Protein backbone atom coordinates (compact mmCIF):
# COMPACT_ATOMS: atom_id res chain seq x y z
CA MET A 1 -42.15 -10.80 20.54
CA THR A 2 -43.97 -7.68 19.41
CA ALA A 3 -42.36 -4.65 17.76
CA VAL A 4 -42.95 -2.61 20.93
CA GLU A 5 -41.26 -5.27 23.03
CA GLU A 6 -38.32 -5.41 20.61
CA ARG A 7 -37.88 -1.64 20.73
CA ARG A 8 -38.05 -1.63 24.54
CA LEU A 9 -35.52 -4.49 24.73
CA LYS A 10 -33.20 -2.58 22.37
CA VAL A 11 -33.39 0.53 24.52
CA LEU A 12 -32.76 -1.49 27.69
CA LEU A 13 -29.80 -3.23 26.13
CA LYS A 14 -28.31 0.06 24.91
CA ASP A 15 -28.72 1.56 28.40
CA ALA A 16 -27.12 -1.44 30.02
CA VAL A 17 -24.12 -1.41 27.65
CA ALA A 18 -23.70 2.35 28.11
CA GLU A 19 -23.79 1.94 31.90
CA VAL A 20 -21.22 -0.84 31.86
CA LEU A 21 -18.89 1.15 29.61
CA GLU A 22 -19.28 4.21 31.85
CA GLU A 23 -18.64 2.31 35.05
CA ARG A 24 -15.98 -0.07 33.72
CA GLN A 25 -13.93 1.98 31.30
CA ASP A 26 -11.10 -0.47 31.92
CA LEU A 27 -13.07 -3.12 30.03
CA LEU A 28 -13.39 -0.93 26.98
CA ARG A 29 -9.76 0.14 27.20
CA ALA A 30 -8.63 -3.49 27.44
CA ALA A 31 -10.80 -4.46 24.47
CA VAL A 32 -9.44 -1.66 22.31
CA GLN A 33 -5.87 -2.44 23.35
CA GLU A 34 -6.36 -6.12 22.51
CA SER A 35 -7.79 -5.21 19.10
CA LEU A 36 -4.84 -2.92 18.31
CA GLU A 37 -2.39 -5.62 19.36
CA ASP A 38 -4.19 -8.18 17.15
CA ALA A 39 -4.05 -5.78 14.20
CA ALA A 40 -0.34 -5.18 14.75
CA MET A 41 0.28 -8.91 14.97
CA LEU A 42 -1.62 -9.48 11.71
CA ARG A 43 0.44 -6.77 9.97
CA ALA A 44 3.67 -8.37 11.29
CA ILE A 45 2.60 -11.80 10.08
CA CYS A 46 1.70 -10.50 6.64
CA ALA A 47 4.99 -8.64 6.40
CA GLY A 48 6.88 -11.76 7.52
CA GLU A 49 5.20 -13.85 4.85
CA LYS A 50 6.74 -11.61 2.21
CA THR A 51 10.36 -12.09 3.43
CA ARG A 52 12.70 -14.98 3.03
CA PRO A 53 12.93 -17.57 5.83
CA VAL A 54 15.56 -17.11 8.53
CA SER A 55 16.95 -19.81 10.78
CA ARG A 56 16.04 -19.96 14.44
CA ASN A 57 19.72 -19.66 15.31
CA LYS A 58 20.05 -16.35 13.40
CA ILE A 59 17.02 -14.97 15.23
CA PHE A 60 18.47 -15.79 18.61
CA GLN A 61 21.88 -14.39 17.62
CA ARG A 62 20.23 -11.10 16.65
CA LEU A 63 18.23 -10.99 19.89
CA ALA A 64 21.38 -11.69 21.93
CA ARG A 65 23.19 -8.78 20.23
CA ALA A 66 20.25 -6.44 20.87
CA ALA A 67 20.15 -7.22 24.60
């Protein structure tokens, strides 16, 4: 592939992605939301690794009281 073809392909790809994001904002919104949820889950896991273990029973007792 020549340099000119590569540049043209890059422009076409950028245009296609921009068009999809414009027409399907829900896809971008869902991807961002998923990324934020993944980051929050990672932070929760890291925080949980720094605490002492708790029994399953205690967790369910706490959830029952909160409901």
